N, C-alpha and C. Protein backbone atom coordinates (compact mmCIF):
# COMPACT_ATOMS: atom_id res chain seq x y z
N ARG A 1 109.88 -26.15 96.16
CA ARG A 1 109.61 -25.53 94.88
C ARG A 1 108.46 -26.28 94.21
N TYR A 2 107.52 -25.54 93.68
CA TYR A 2 106.37 -26.13 93.02
C TYR A 2 106.48 -26.00 91.51
N ILE A 3 106.03 -27.02 90.82
CA ILE A 3 106.00 -27.01 89.35
C ILE A 3 104.54 -26.95 88.92
N SER A 4 104.23 -26.08 88.00
CA SER A 4 102.88 -25.95 87.49
C SER A 4 102.53 -27.17 86.63
N VAL A 5 101.58 -27.97 87.09
CA VAL A 5 101.16 -29.14 86.32
C VAL A 5 100.54 -28.69 85.00
N THR A 6 99.80 -27.60 85.05
CA THR A 6 99.17 -27.10 83.83
C THR A 6 100.23 -26.71 82.81
N GLY A 7 101.30 -26.07 83.26
CA GLY A 7 102.38 -25.70 82.35
C GLY A 7 103.07 -26.91 81.76
N VAL A 8 103.32 -27.93 82.58
CA VAL A 8 103.95 -29.16 82.10
C VAL A 8 103.04 -29.84 81.10
N GLN A 9 101.75 -29.89 81.39
CA GLN A 9 100.78 -30.49 80.47
C GLN A 9 100.78 -29.78 79.13
N THR A 10 100.82 -28.47 79.15
CA THR A 10 100.78 -27.70 77.90
C THR A 10 101.98 -27.99 77.03
N VAL A 11 103.16 -27.99 77.61
CA VAL A 11 104.38 -28.27 76.85
C VAL A 11 104.37 -29.69 76.32
N LEU A 12 104.05 -30.66 77.18
CA LEU A 12 104.00 -32.06 76.76
C LEU A 12 102.93 -32.27 75.70
N PHE A 13 101.76 -31.68 75.89
CA PHE A 13 100.68 -31.84 74.92
C PHE A 13 101.11 -31.38 73.54
N ARG A 14 101.67 -30.19 73.45
CA ARG A 14 102.05 -29.65 72.15
C ARG A 14 103.08 -30.54 71.45
N SER A 15 104.06 -30.96 72.20
CA SER A 15 105.12 -31.79 71.63
C SER A 15 104.60 -33.16 71.22
N LEU A 16 103.93 -33.82 72.13
CA LEU A 16 103.46 -35.19 71.86
C LEU A 16 102.36 -35.20 70.80
N HIS A 17 101.48 -34.21 70.84
CA HIS A 17 100.41 -34.15 69.85
C HIS A 17 100.98 -34.06 68.43
N ALA A 18 102.03 -33.28 68.26
CA ALA A 18 102.68 -33.17 66.95
C ALA A 18 103.32 -34.50 66.55
N LEU A 19 103.95 -35.17 67.50
CA LEU A 19 104.60 -36.45 67.21
C LEU A 19 103.58 -37.55 66.88
N LEU A 20 102.37 -37.41 67.37
CA LEU A 20 101.33 -38.42 67.14
C LEU A 20 100.55 -38.20 65.85
N GLN A 21 100.85 -37.17 65.09
CA GLN A 21 100.11 -36.90 63.86
C GLN A 21 100.10 -38.08 62.87
N PRO A 22 101.21 -38.80 62.68
CA PRO A 22 101.14 -39.96 61.77
C PRO A 22 100.14 -41.02 62.24
N LEU A 23 99.96 -41.16 63.54
CA LEU A 23 98.98 -42.11 64.06
C LEU A 23 97.56 -41.59 63.78
N HIS A 24 97.34 -40.29 63.97
CA HIS A 24 96.03 -39.70 63.67
C HIS A 24 95.66 -39.92 62.20
N ALA A 25 96.65 -39.86 61.33
CA ALA A 25 96.42 -39.94 59.88
C ALA A 25 96.45 -41.38 59.36
N HIS A 26 96.67 -42.35 60.21
CA HIS A 26 96.76 -43.74 59.78
C HIS A 26 95.47 -44.14 59.07
N PRO A 27 95.57 -44.87 57.96
CA PRO A 27 94.36 -45.22 57.19
C PRO A 27 93.37 -46.12 57.94
N ARG A 28 93.81 -46.81 58.98
CA ARG A 28 92.89 -47.69 59.72
C ARG A 28 92.29 -47.00 60.96
N VAL A 29 92.72 -45.78 61.24
CA VAL A 29 92.17 -45.04 62.38
C VAL A 29 90.88 -44.37 61.95
N ARG A 30 89.82 -44.63 62.69
CA ARG A 30 88.51 -44.08 62.34
C ARG A 30 88.08 -42.94 63.25
N HIS A 31 88.53 -42.90 64.46
CA HIS A 31 88.09 -41.85 65.37
C HIS A 31 89.25 -41.50 66.31
N ALA A 32 90.04 -40.52 65.90
CA ALA A 32 91.14 -40.05 66.74
C ALA A 32 90.59 -38.95 67.64
N ARG A 33 90.95 -39.01 68.92
CA ARG A 33 90.45 -38.00 69.84
C ARG A 33 91.40 -37.83 71.02
N ARG A 34 91.19 -36.74 71.74
CA ARG A 34 91.99 -36.45 72.92
C ARG A 34 91.12 -35.73 73.93
N LEU A 35 91.28 -36.08 75.19
CA LEU A 35 90.64 -35.38 76.28
C LEU A 35 91.71 -35.18 77.34
N GLY A 36 92.09 -33.94 77.55
CA GLY A 36 93.18 -33.66 78.48
C GLY A 36 94.45 -34.32 77.97
N MET A 37 95.04 -35.17 78.78
CA MET A 37 96.28 -35.86 78.42
C MET A 37 96.03 -37.33 78.06
N VAL A 38 94.83 -37.63 77.59
CA VAL A 38 94.50 -38.99 77.15
C VAL A 38 94.14 -38.92 75.67
N TRP A 39 94.86 -39.70 74.86
CA TRP A 39 94.58 -39.81 73.43
C TRP A 39 93.93 -41.18 73.20
N ALA A 40 93.07 -41.27 72.20
CA ALA A 40 92.44 -42.55 71.86
C ALA A 40 92.22 -42.61 70.35
N TRP A 41 92.33 -43.84 69.83
CA TRP A 41 92.12 -44.09 68.40
C TRP A 41 91.34 -45.38 68.25
N ASP A 42 90.24 -45.34 67.50
CA ASP A 42 89.52 -46.57 67.15
C ASP A 42 90.16 -47.12 65.89
N ILE A 43 90.54 -48.39 65.95
CA ILE A 43 91.21 -49.04 64.83
C ILE A 43 90.17 -49.86 64.07
N ASP A 44 90.03 -49.57 62.79
CA ASP A 44 89.00 -50.18 61.96
C ASP A 44 89.43 -51.57 61.47
N GLY A 45 88.44 -52.46 61.43
CA GLY A 45 88.63 -53.76 60.79
C GLY A 45 89.49 -54.75 61.56
N VAL A 46 89.54 -54.64 62.88
CA VAL A 46 90.33 -55.60 63.65
C VAL A 46 89.43 -56.65 64.27
N ASP A 47 90.01 -57.81 64.55
CA ASP A 47 89.24 -58.88 65.16
C ASP A 47 89.33 -58.80 66.68
N SER A 48 88.70 -59.74 67.35
CA SER A 48 88.63 -59.73 68.81
C SER A 48 89.99 -59.97 69.48
N GLY A 49 90.96 -60.47 68.74
CA GLY A 49 92.28 -60.71 69.31
C GLY A 49 93.24 -59.54 69.18
N PHE A 50 92.78 -58.45 68.57
CA PHE A 50 93.65 -57.30 68.34
C PHE A 50 94.27 -56.77 69.62
N ALA A 51 93.47 -56.56 70.66
CA ALA A 51 93.98 -55.94 71.89
C ALA A 51 95.11 -56.77 72.50
N GLY A 52 94.93 -58.07 72.57
CA GLY A 52 95.97 -58.93 73.13
C GLY A 52 97.23 -58.95 72.29
N ARG A 53 97.07 -59.03 70.96
CA ARG A 53 98.24 -59.02 70.08
C ARG A 53 98.98 -57.69 70.16
N PHE A 54 98.24 -56.60 70.19
CA PHE A 54 98.88 -55.29 70.28
C PHE A 54 99.63 -55.16 71.61
N HIS A 55 98.99 -55.56 72.69
CA HIS A 55 99.62 -55.46 74.02
C HIS A 55 100.93 -56.25 74.06
N ARG A 56 100.92 -57.47 73.56
CA ARG A 56 102.14 -58.29 73.58
C ARG A 56 103.22 -57.68 72.69
N ALA A 57 102.84 -57.18 71.53
CA ALA A 57 103.83 -56.56 70.63
C ALA A 57 104.39 -55.28 71.24
N ALA A 58 103.53 -54.50 71.88
CA ALA A 58 104.00 -53.27 72.53
C ALA A 58 104.98 -53.60 73.65
N MET A 59 104.66 -54.60 74.45
CA MET A 59 105.56 -55.00 75.54
C MET A 59 106.91 -55.44 74.98
N ALA A 60 106.90 -56.20 73.89
CA ALA A 60 108.15 -56.66 73.27
C ALA A 60 108.97 -55.49 72.76
N ALA A 61 108.30 -54.40 72.41
CA ALA A 61 108.98 -53.22 71.89
C ALA A 61 109.34 -52.21 72.98
N GLY A 62 108.97 -52.50 74.23
CA GLY A 62 109.34 -51.61 75.33
C GLY A 62 108.27 -50.64 75.76
N LEU A 63 107.01 -50.89 75.37
CA LEU A 63 105.91 -50.01 75.77
C LEU A 63 104.86 -50.78 76.56
N LEU A 64 104.27 -50.12 77.52
CA LEU A 64 103.16 -50.71 78.26
C LEU A 64 101.88 -50.02 77.78
N LEU A 65 101.26 -50.62 76.78
CA LEU A 65 100.01 -50.12 76.21
C LEU A 65 99.03 -51.28 76.13
N ARG A 66 97.81 -51.05 76.55
CA ARG A 66 96.81 -52.12 76.55
C ARG A 66 95.52 -51.59 75.96
N PRO A 67 95.26 -51.88 74.68
CA PRO A 67 94.00 -51.44 74.08
C PRO A 67 92.81 -52.08 74.78
N ILE A 68 91.67 -51.44 74.66
CA ILE A 68 90.40 -52.02 75.10
C ILE A 68 89.62 -52.29 73.83
N GLY A 69 89.46 -53.55 73.50
CA GLY A 69 88.80 -53.91 72.25
C GLY A 69 89.59 -53.38 71.07
N ALA A 70 88.93 -52.59 70.24
CA ALA A 70 89.57 -52.04 69.05
C ALA A 70 90.05 -50.61 69.27
N THR A 71 90.06 -50.16 70.52
CA THR A 71 90.46 -48.79 70.82
C THR A 71 91.80 -48.78 71.54
N LEU A 72 92.71 -48.03 70.96
CA LEU A 72 94.05 -47.84 71.51
C LEU A 72 94.06 -46.56 72.32
N TYR A 73 94.50 -46.63 73.57
CA TYR A 73 94.56 -45.48 74.46
C TYR A 73 96.00 -45.16 74.80
N LEU A 74 96.28 -43.88 74.98
CA LEU A 74 97.60 -43.44 75.38
C LEU A 74 97.42 -42.40 76.48
N MET A 75 97.99 -42.67 77.65
CA MET A 75 97.92 -41.75 78.78
C MET A 75 99.33 -41.61 79.34
N PRO A 76 100.14 -40.75 78.74
CA PRO A 76 101.56 -40.69 79.09
C PRO A 76 101.84 -40.00 80.42
N SER A 77 102.98 -40.34 80.95
CA SER A 77 103.50 -39.65 82.13
C SER A 77 103.81 -38.20 81.78
N TYR A 78 103.70 -37.32 82.74
CA TYR A 78 104.05 -35.91 82.52
C TYR A 78 105.56 -35.70 82.51
N LEU A 79 106.32 -36.72 82.80
CA LEU A 79 107.77 -36.59 82.97
C LEU A 79 108.57 -37.11 81.79
N LEU A 80 107.96 -37.30 80.64
CA LEU A 80 108.66 -37.83 79.48
C LEU A 80 109.64 -36.80 78.90
N THR A 81 110.83 -37.28 78.59
CA THR A 81 111.80 -36.43 77.90
C THR A 81 111.40 -36.35 76.42
N ASP A 82 112.05 -35.47 75.68
CA ASP A 82 111.79 -35.38 74.24
C ASP A 82 112.07 -36.71 73.54
N ASP A 83 113.16 -37.37 73.92
CA ASP A 83 113.50 -38.67 73.31
C ASP A 83 112.46 -39.73 73.65
N GLU A 84 111.97 -39.73 74.88
CA GLU A 84 110.96 -40.70 75.28
C GLU A 84 109.63 -40.45 74.57
N GLN A 85 109.29 -39.18 74.37
CA GLN A 85 108.08 -38.85 73.61
C GLN A 85 108.19 -39.38 72.18
N ALA A 86 109.33 -39.15 71.56
CA ALA A 86 109.53 -39.62 70.18
C ALA A 86 109.48 -41.14 70.13
N PHE A 87 110.11 -41.80 71.10
CA PHE A 87 110.07 -43.26 71.17
C PHE A 87 108.63 -43.76 71.31
N LEU A 88 107.87 -43.14 72.19
CA LEU A 88 106.48 -43.53 72.41
C LEU A 88 105.66 -43.40 71.13
N ALA A 89 105.75 -42.26 70.48
CA ALA A 89 104.96 -42.03 69.26
C ALA A 89 105.42 -42.94 68.12
N ASP A 90 106.71 -43.01 67.88
CA ASP A 90 107.23 -43.81 66.77
C ASP A 90 106.97 -45.30 66.97
N THR A 91 107.20 -45.78 68.18
CA THR A 91 107.06 -47.20 68.45
C THR A 91 105.60 -47.62 68.47
N THR A 92 104.72 -46.76 68.95
CA THR A 92 103.28 -47.07 68.90
C THR A 92 102.84 -47.27 67.46
N LEU A 93 103.27 -46.40 66.57
CA LEU A 93 102.91 -46.54 65.15
C LEU A 93 103.54 -47.79 64.55
N THR A 94 104.78 -48.07 64.87
CA THR A 94 105.45 -49.27 64.37
C THR A 94 104.74 -50.54 64.82
N VAL A 95 104.37 -50.57 66.10
CA VAL A 95 103.66 -51.73 66.64
C VAL A 95 102.30 -51.88 65.97
N LEU A 96 101.58 -50.79 65.81
CA LEU A 96 100.28 -50.85 65.15
C LEU A 96 100.41 -51.44 63.75
N ASN A 97 101.36 -50.93 62.99
CA ASN A 97 101.55 -51.43 61.62
C ASN A 97 101.92 -52.91 61.62
N ALA A 98 102.77 -53.33 62.54
CA ALA A 98 103.18 -54.74 62.60
C ALA A 98 102.00 -55.64 62.96
N VAL A 99 101.20 -55.22 63.93
CA VAL A 99 100.06 -56.04 64.35
C VAL A 99 99.01 -56.10 63.23
N LEU A 100 98.77 -54.98 62.58
CA LEU A 100 97.78 -54.98 61.50
C LEU A 100 98.23 -55.83 60.31
N ALA A 101 99.54 -55.91 60.11
CA ALA A 101 100.08 -56.73 59.02
C ALA A 101 100.30 -58.18 59.45
N ASP A 102 99.95 -58.46 60.74
CA ASP A 102 100.18 -59.78 61.31
C ASP A 102 101.64 -60.16 61.26
N GLY A 103 102.52 -59.15 61.35
CA GLY A 103 103.96 -59.41 61.39
C GLY A 103 104.34 -60.02 62.72
N PRO A 104 105.47 -60.70 62.75
CA PRO A 104 105.93 -61.30 64.00
C PRO A 104 106.31 -60.22 65.01
N CYS A 105 105.72 -60.29 66.18
CA CYS A 105 105.94 -59.26 67.19
C CYS A 105 107.38 -59.20 67.67
N ALA A 106 108.04 -60.31 67.75
CA ALA A 106 109.40 -60.33 68.27
C ALA A 106 110.41 -59.70 67.31
N ASP A 107 110.04 -59.57 66.06
CA ASP A 107 110.97 -59.05 65.06
C ASP A 107 110.75 -57.59 64.74
N LEU A 108 110.07 -56.85 65.65
CA LEU A 108 109.80 -55.44 65.39
C LEU A 108 111.11 -54.67 65.30
N ASP A 109 111.22 -53.83 64.30
CA ASP A 109 112.41 -53.00 64.10
C ASP A 109 112.20 -51.69 64.82
N THR A 110 112.45 -51.69 66.13
CA THR A 110 112.24 -50.48 66.94
C THR A 110 113.54 -50.13 67.63
N PRO A 111 113.73 -48.86 67.92
CA PRO A 111 114.93 -48.45 68.64
C PRO A 111 114.90 -48.93 70.07
N ALA A 112 116.03 -48.93 70.71
CA ALA A 112 116.08 -49.31 72.11
C ALA A 112 115.37 -48.25 72.95
N VAL A 113 114.80 -48.68 74.06
CA VAL A 113 114.13 -47.75 74.95
C VAL A 113 115.16 -46.75 75.45
N PRO A 114 114.85 -45.44 75.33
CA PRO A 114 115.82 -44.43 75.80
C PRO A 114 116.01 -44.47 77.29
């Protein structure tokens, strides 16, 4: 049995794109964009250590995300459940806010990985 990748992409895109709206609207995001199933956000006013701090905080929160410089990229699996999509979107925003506030990464108030 074959599954239409295009159909899966369309459903995932619509759902995840809606969940990512708070990240698009974040006051420090300067250039939100998407190409296919890759989202990217340029984060304004960060120093050269932002990518490493964000990566470590994301890992502590259960996400594998690695910014390049001041740009945060998201390239999700096509197999995410609704709960995993919500976790990805919510936790990415939580981690971003914590890193920008220089909050302690280990104390992030995030839900358990579904």
